[in-house]
Amino acid sequence: MDVTLGLLLWWALVYGIFPIALGSLVGLPFWLRGRVILGNALGSAAIAIVMTVFILQFLFGTLTTTSVFETEAWLLPLGALVFAGWLDVLIMFFLSGAVEQRVSRRAVRPEEV
């Protein structure tokens, strides 16, 4: 496997899948009990905390290594991290909708219809 492809997959896993998985795990118990809004709020908070840590890690790493803040080269990676955080929250909302539909379909018994 090419090194750049491996790094791209690693970054997709760390910045894309990990926050979604964590937010979904935090929200899942609430979604299953029918408290979708609370599950979404707590899951979004978990994603926000993780992405804030990633952004601060990037900024402190950039601050200590170079004087990149004199140029605008730091804006694109920072913007990508912010976009990934918003995308993670959006995907989590779609997952919560899928869980809510599944729970509501399971709650309806065929003999009641």
Protein backbone atom coordinates (compact mmCIF):
# COMPACT_ATOMS: atom_id res chain seq x y z
CA MET A 1 0.00 0.00 0.00
CA ASP A 2 1.23 3.46 -0.84
CA VAL A 3 2.31 5.57 2.13
CA THR A 4 0.03 8.49 1.24
CA LEU A 5 -2.96 6.16 0.87
CA GLY A 6 -2.17 4.62 4.25
CA LEU A 7 -1.94 8.07 5.85
CA LEU A 8 -5.18 9.13 4.19
CA LEU A 9 -6.94 6.05 5.56
CA TRP A 10 -5.45 6.67 9.02
CA TRP A 11 -6.65 10.29 9.07
CA ALA A 12 -10.10 9.24 7.84
CA LEU A 13 -10.26 6.69 10.65
CA VAL A 14 -9.06 9.07 13.36
CA TYR A 15 -10.89 12.25 12.33
CA GLY A 16 -13.93 10.70 10.70
CA ILE A 17 -14.91 7.40 12.21
CA PHE A 18 -13.65 7.74 15.79
CA PRO A 19 -15.72 10.84 16.70
CA ILE A 20 -18.86 9.40 15.05
CA ALA A 21 -18.42 6.09 16.84
CA LEU A 22 -17.87 7.80 20.19
CA GLY A 23 -20.83 10.15 19.76
CA SER A 24 -23.06 7.29 18.68
CA LEU A 25 -22.03 5.17 21.65
CA VAL A 26 -22.81 8.04 24.00
CA GLY A 27 -26.19 8.71 22.39
CA LEU A 28 -27.31 5.11 21.74
CA PRO A 29 -28.70 4.34 25.23
CA PHE A 30 -30.85 7.45 25.05
CA TRP A 31 -31.99 6.78 21.49
CA LEU A 32 -33.11 3.29 22.46
CA ARG A 33 -35.21 4.71 25.31
CA GLY A 34 -36.90 7.19 22.97
CA ARG A 35 -35.01 10.25 24.21
CA VAL A 36 -33.61 11.22 20.84
CA ILE A 37 -32.95 14.88 21.57
CA LEU A 38 -30.99 14.11 24.73
CA GLY A 39 -29.00 11.41 22.93
CA ASN A 40 -28.22 13.79 20.08
CA ALA A 41 -27.16 16.53 22.48
CA LEU A 42 -24.84 14.28 24.47
CA GLY A 43 -23.44 12.61 21.35
CA SER A 44 -22.81 16.00 19.75
CA ALA A 45 -21.09 17.17 22.93
CA ALA A 46 -18.81 14.12 22.82
CA ILE A 47 -17.94 14.86 19.19
CA ALA A 48 -17.35 18.53 20.02
CA ILE A 49 -14.97 17.63 22.84
CA VAL A 50 -12.98 15.22 20.67
CA MET A 51 -12.77 17.64 17.75
CA THR A 52 -11.79 20.51 20.07
CA VAL A 53 -8.94 18.38 21.38
CA PHE A 54 -7.86 17.60 17.79
CA ILE A 55 -7.99 21.30 16.85
CA LEU A 56 -6.04 22.39 19.93
CA GLN A 57 -3.50 19.64 19.29
CA PHE A 58 -3.06 20.94 15.74
CA LEU A 59 -2.74 24.56 16.86
CA PHE A 60 -0.24 23.82 19.64
CA GLY A 61 1.76 21.56 17.33
CA THR A 62 1.82 24.27 14.69
CA LEU A 63 2.75 26.94 17.21
CA THR A 64 5.72 25.02 18.57
CA THR A 65 7.17 23.84 15.27
CA THR A 66 7.06 26.82 12.92
CA SER A 67 5.94 30.37 12.62
CA VAL A 68 3.23 29.30 10.21
CA PHE A 69 0.78 31.80 11.71
CA GLU A 70 2.59 34.52 9.77
CA THR A 71 1.16 32.98 6.61
CA GLU A 72 -2.26 31.54 5.91
CA ALA A 73 -1.07 27.96 5.45
CA TRP A 74 -2.70 26.89 8.73
CA LEU A 75 -6.22 27.90 7.62
CA LEU A 76 -6.83 24.93 5.31
CA PRO A 77 -5.99 22.16 7.83
CA LEU A 78 -7.88 24.00 10.55
CA GLY A 79 -10.88 24.44 8.27
CA ALA A 80 -10.73 20.76 7.36
CA LEU A 81 -10.85 19.80 11.05
CA VAL A 82 -13.83 22.08 11.68
CA PHE A 83 -15.62 20.71 8.59
CA ALA A 84 -14.92 17.13 9.73
CA GLY A 85 -16.47 17.91 13.12
CA TRP A 86 -19.63 19.31 11.56
CA LEU A 87 -19.82 16.37 9.16
CA ASP A 88 -19.45 13.95 12.08
CA VAL A 89 -22.36 15.59 13.90
CA LEU A 90 -24.51 15.50 10.75
CA ILE A 91 -23.81 11.81 10.21
CA MET A 92 -24.62 11.13 13.86
CA PHE A 93 -28.02 12.79 13.44
CA PHE A 94 -28.76 10.49 10.48
CA LEU A 95 -27.72 7.50 12.57
CA SER A 96 -30.04 8.59 15.37
CA GLY A 97 -32.91 8.83 12.91
CA ALA A 98 -32.21 5.30 11.70
CA VAL A 99 -32.12 3.99 15.27
CA GLU A 100 -35.35 5.83 16.10
CA GLN A 101 -37.12 4.35 13.06
CA ARG A 102 -35.93 0.86 13.92
CA VAL A 103 -37.09 1.17 17.53
CA SER A 104 -40.48 2.55 16.50
CA ARG A 105 -41.00 -0.26 13.96
CA ARG A 106 -40.07 -2.83 16.57
CA ALA A 107 -42.50 -1.32 19.07
CA VAL A 108 -45.52 -1.82 16.75
CA ARG A 109 -46.94 -5.33 16.95
CA PRO A 110 -48.62 -6.77 13.85
CA GLU A 111 -51.69 -7.86 15.80
CA GLU A 112 -52.28 -4.26 16.94
CA VAL A 113 -52.42 -2.89 13.41
